Protein backbone atom coordinates (compact mmCIF):
# COMPACT_ATOMS: atom_id res chain seq x y z
CA MET A 1 1.75 13.79 25.34
CA TYR A 2 -0.94 13.68 22.64
CA SER A 3 0.38 16.79 20.93
CA LEU A 4 3.88 15.28 20.84
CA PHE A 5 2.47 12.13 19.24
CA ALA A 6 0.47 14.24 16.78
CA ILE A 7 3.51 16.29 15.81
CA LEU A 8 5.64 13.15 15.36
CA PHE A 9 2.91 11.47 13.33
CA TYR A 10 2.44 14.65 11.29
CA GLY A 11 6.12 14.60 10.34
CA VAL A 12 5.95 11.00 9.16
CA LEU A 13 3.34 11.74 6.47
CA GLY A 14 5.91 13.40 4.17
CA ILE A 15 8.53 11.47 2.18
CA GLN A 16 11.58 12.97 0.52
CA PHE A 17 14.64 11.25 -0.90
CA THR A 18 17.27 11.58 -3.61
CA PHE A 19 18.36 8.76 -5.90
CA PRO A 20 20.47 8.33 -9.06
CA LEU A 21 19.32 6.71 -12.30
CA ARG A 22 21.66 5.45 -14.98
CA SER A 23 21.01 6.16 -18.65
CA LYS A 24 17.65 4.74 -19.85
CA GLU A 25 16.98 3.25 -16.40
CA LEU A 26 13.44 3.04 -14.96
CA LYS A 27 12.70 2.98 -11.25
CA CYS A 28 9.31 2.66 -9.56
CA PHE A 29 8.27 3.39 -5.98
CA GLY A 30 5.07 2.19 -4.35
CA GLU A 31 3.07 3.77 -1.57
CA ILE A 32 -0.19 2.57 -0.04
CA ILE A 33 -2.37 5.65 0.23
CA GLY A 34 -5.66 5.80 2.12
CA GLN A 35 -9.14 6.63 0.93
CA ASN A 36 -10.03 10.18 -0.17
CA SER A 37 -6.56 11.44 0.66
CA LEU A 38 -4.86 14.45 -0.89
CA VAL A 39 -1.52 13.59 -2.51
CA VAL A 40 1.01 16.27 -3.46
CA GLY A 41 4.48 15.58 -4.80
CA SER A 42 7.28 16.72 -7.02
CA VAL A 43 10.21 15.33 -8.97
CA SER A 44 13.19 17.48 -9.80
CA ALA A 45 16.41 16.62 -11.60
CA ASN A 46 19.56 18.22 -12.98
CA SER A 47 18.28 17.44 -16.50
CA SER A 48 14.99 17.79 -18.31
CA GLN A 49 15.16 14.42 -20.06
CA PHE A 50 13.00 12.19 -17.88
CA SER A 51 9.42 11.03 -17.67
CA LEU A 52 7.14 10.52 -14.71
CA LYS A 53 4.24 8.07 -14.67
CA ILE A 54 1.80 7.74 -11.77
CA HIS A 55 -0.50 4.76 -11.90
CA VAL A 56 -2.59 2.35 -9.89
CA PRO A 57 -1.96 -1.26 -10.88
CA GLN A 58 -5.28 -3.03 -11.31
CA LYS A 59 -6.09 -6.64 -12.11
CA LYS A 60 -6.97 -6.24 -15.79
CA ASN A 61 -5.71 -2.83 -16.86
CA ASP A 62 -3.13 -0.28 -15.85
CA ASN A 63 -4.94 2.90 -14.86
CA ILE A 64 -2.50 5.75 -15.51
CA LEU A 65 -3.34 8.83 -13.48
CA GLN A 66 -0.73 11.14 -14.89
CA TYR A 67 2.04 10.93 -17.45
CA ALA A 68 4.49 13.76 -17.95
CA HIS A 69 7.44 14.02 -20.30
CA SER A 70 10.62 16.10 -20.01
CA LEU A 71 9.99 18.56 -17.21
CA GLU A 72 12.74 20.00 -15.03
CA LEU A 73 10.52 20.37 -11.97
CA HIS A 74 7.35 18.36 -12.20
CA LYS A 75 4.71 18.83 -9.51
CA PHE A 76 1.64 16.65 -9.25
CA SER A 77 -1.40 16.47 -7.03
CA PHE A 78 -4.53 14.34 -6.93
CA THR A 79 -7.10 13.02 -4.50
CA THR A 80 -7.38 9.27 -4.09
CA ASN A 81 -10.65 7.46 -4.70
CA ASN A 82 -12.78 5.54 -2.21
CA THR A 83 -10.52 2.52 -2.08
CA GLN A 84 -7.11 2.15 -0.54
CA GLU A 85 -4.61 1.31 -3.27
CA ASN A 86 -0.92 0.89 -3.83
CA TYR A 87 -0.04 3.88 -6.00
CA GLN A 88 3.15 3.59 -8.03
CA PHE A 89 5.38 6.44 -9.12
CA CYS A 90 7.70 5.47 -11.99
CA ILE A 91 10.56 7.69 -13.14
CA HIS A 92 12.36 6.93 -16.39
CA ASN A 93 15.71 8.50 -17.26
CA LEU A 94 15.55 9.28 -20.99
CA ALA A 95 18.98 10.92 -21.15
CA ASN A 96 22.20 9.30 -22.38
CA ALA A 97 23.85 10.00 -19.02
CA GLY A 98 23.09 9.38 -15.37
CA ILE A 99 20.76 11.82 -13.60
CA SER A 100 20.20 12.48 -9.91
CA PHE A 101 16.53 12.86 -8.93
CA ASN A 102 14.88 14.41 -5.90
CA PHE A 103 11.47 12.88 -5.12
CA THR A 104 9.04 14.45 -2.64
CA LEU A 105 5.65 13.03 -1.65
CA ALA A 106 3.18 14.31 0.93
CA THR A 107 -0.20 12.80 1.77
CA GLY A 108 -3.09 13.67 4.03
CA MET A 109 -2.62 16.65 6.33
CA ASP A 110 1.00 17.08 5.30
CA ALA A 111 -0.13 17.80 1.74
CA GLN A 112 -2.49 20.63 2.66
CA ASP A 113 -1.27 24.21 2.41
CA PHE A 114 -2.42 26.09 5.51
CA SER A 115 -0.75 29.36 4.50
CA LEU A 116 -3.60 30.06 2.03
CA VAL A 117 -6.17 29.27 4.71
CA ALA A 118 -4.42 31.62 7.12
CA GLN A 119 -4.48 34.45 4.57
CA LYS A 120 -8.16 33.96 3.71
CA GLU A 121 -9.44 33.70 7.27
CA ASP A 122 -6.87 36.03 8.91
CA LEU A 123 -5.86 33.40 11.45
CA LYS A 124 -3.28 33.67 14.20
CA PRO A 125 -0.45 31.11 14.37
CA ILE A 126 -2.06 29.24 17.27
CA GLU A 127 -5.34 28.98 15.32
CA ILE A 128 -3.46 27.60 12.31
CA HIS A 129 -1.80 25.06 14.59
CA LEU A 130 -5.19 24.07 16.03
CA LYS A 131 -6.60 23.64 12.51
CA LYS A 132 -3.64 21.41 11.65
CA LEU A 133 -4.14 19.33 14.81
CA ASN A 134 -7.87 19.04 14.11
CA GLY A 135 -7.17 17.87 10.58
CA LEU A 136 -4.52 15.48 11.91
CA ILE A 137 -6.99 13.97 14.36
CA ASN A 138 -9.48 13.47 11.51
CA SER A 139 -6.83 11.80 9.35
CA VAL A 140 -5.77 9.54 12.25
CA GLU A 141 -9.40 8.51 12.76
CA GLN A 142 -9.74 7.78 9.03
CA GLU A 143 -6.51 5.76 9.08
CA GLN A 144 -7.74 3.82 12.11
CA LYS A 145 -11.00 2.98 10.30
CA GLU A 146 -9.02 1.79 7.28
CA ILE A 147 -6.78 -0.35 9.49
CA GLU A 148 -9.84 -1.88 11.16
CA GLU A 149 -11.37 -2.63 7.74
CA ARG A 150 -8.14 -4.28 6.56
CA GLN A 151 -7.94 -6.24 9.80
CA ALA A 152 -11.56 -7.42 9.41
CA THR A 153 -10.83 -8.49 5.82
CA ARG A 154 -7.72 -10.38 6.89
CA PHE A 155 -9.60 -12.03 9.77
CA SER A 156 -12.31 -13.11 7.33
CA ASN A 157 -9.69 -14.54 4.96
CA VAL A 158 -7.93 -16.37 7.81
CA SER A 159 -11.27 -17.78 8.99
CA LYS A 160 -12.04 -19.08 5.48
CA ILE A 161 -8.59 -20.62 5.15
CA SER A 162 -8.74 -22.24 8.60
CA TYR A 163 -12.19 -23.66 7.79
CA LYS A 164 -10.79 -25.17 4.58
CA ILE A 165 -7.83 -26.61 6.50
CA ILE A 166 -10.19 -28.20 9.05
CA ILE A 167 -12.31 -29.71 6.24
CA PHE A 168 -9.16 -30.99 4.50
CA SER A 169 -7.88 -32.50 7.77
CA VAL A 170 -11.19 -34.28 8.48
CA VAL A 171 -11.38 -35.66 4.92
CA THR A 172 -7.74 -36.82 5.15
CA LEU A 173 -8.42 -38.51 8.51
CA ILE A 174 -11.48 -40.31 7.10
CA LEU A 175 -9.52 -41.48 4.03
CA MET A 176 -6.65 -42.71 6.19
CA THR A 177 -9.09 -44.62 8.43
CA LEU A 178 -10.80 -46.22 5.41
CA THR A 179 -7.41 -47.12 3.91
CA ASN A 180 -6.32 -48.78 7.18
CA ILE A 181 -9.57 -50.77 7.36
CA VAL A 182 -9.19 -51.97 3.75
CA GLN A 183 -5.53 -52.89 4.31
CA ALA A 184 -6.39 -54.79 7.51
CA ARG A 185 -9.11 -56.80 5.73
CA GLN A 186 -6.82 -57.61 2.80
CA LEU A 187 -4.06 -58.77 5.14
CA LYS A 188 -6.55 -60.89 7.10
CA ASN A 189 -7.82 -62.50 3.86
CA PHE A 190 -4.24 -63.07 2.68
CA PHE A 191 -3.29 -64.79 5.92
CA LYS A 192 -6.47 -66.92 5.76
CA GLN A 193 -5.63 -68.01 2.21
CA LYS A 194 -2.10 -69.00 3.28
CA LYS A 195 -3.67 -70.70 6.33
CA LEU A 196 -1.46 -68.78 8.70
CA ILE A 197 -4.43 -67.86 10.90
């Protein structure tokens, strides 16, 4: 059961799709990638007139990780930093005609090449599979920690917002009570002046 889940989860880590871009069109894709994760990808097209930009949008500046111009098959790889970020991959068609692009992205265990490890350590296929499963378990544990951290942050934010809502509700209730008291006194004084009571 666990190995089936691990194999299914292992297959989900890779992304591959094909898309067309019209002349001079720019398209960006975003992916939230975990902490200290290996990222390997490639962009290929039927033309060499395109550019690829990989960046992490930040609050004040745009931190560009890689910028490549006019490559028929462009491969990239990097390791993420200690924070989980939304990495963006932007592809710009520089040609005067439409181009079809093939985009491939692998992260975590899916990005690691175990064939080199097998050659270095002279491993059998079952040992390679065990190494993959071990790495997959480690990546699942890391992902679980990141999810727990995000959940704790969201819980903290919700707690702050609910506290502010409670304060706002209490202040509103006090103001409404004071307004009703003032209105009741003014009406009482008005009726006394008109000698209705």
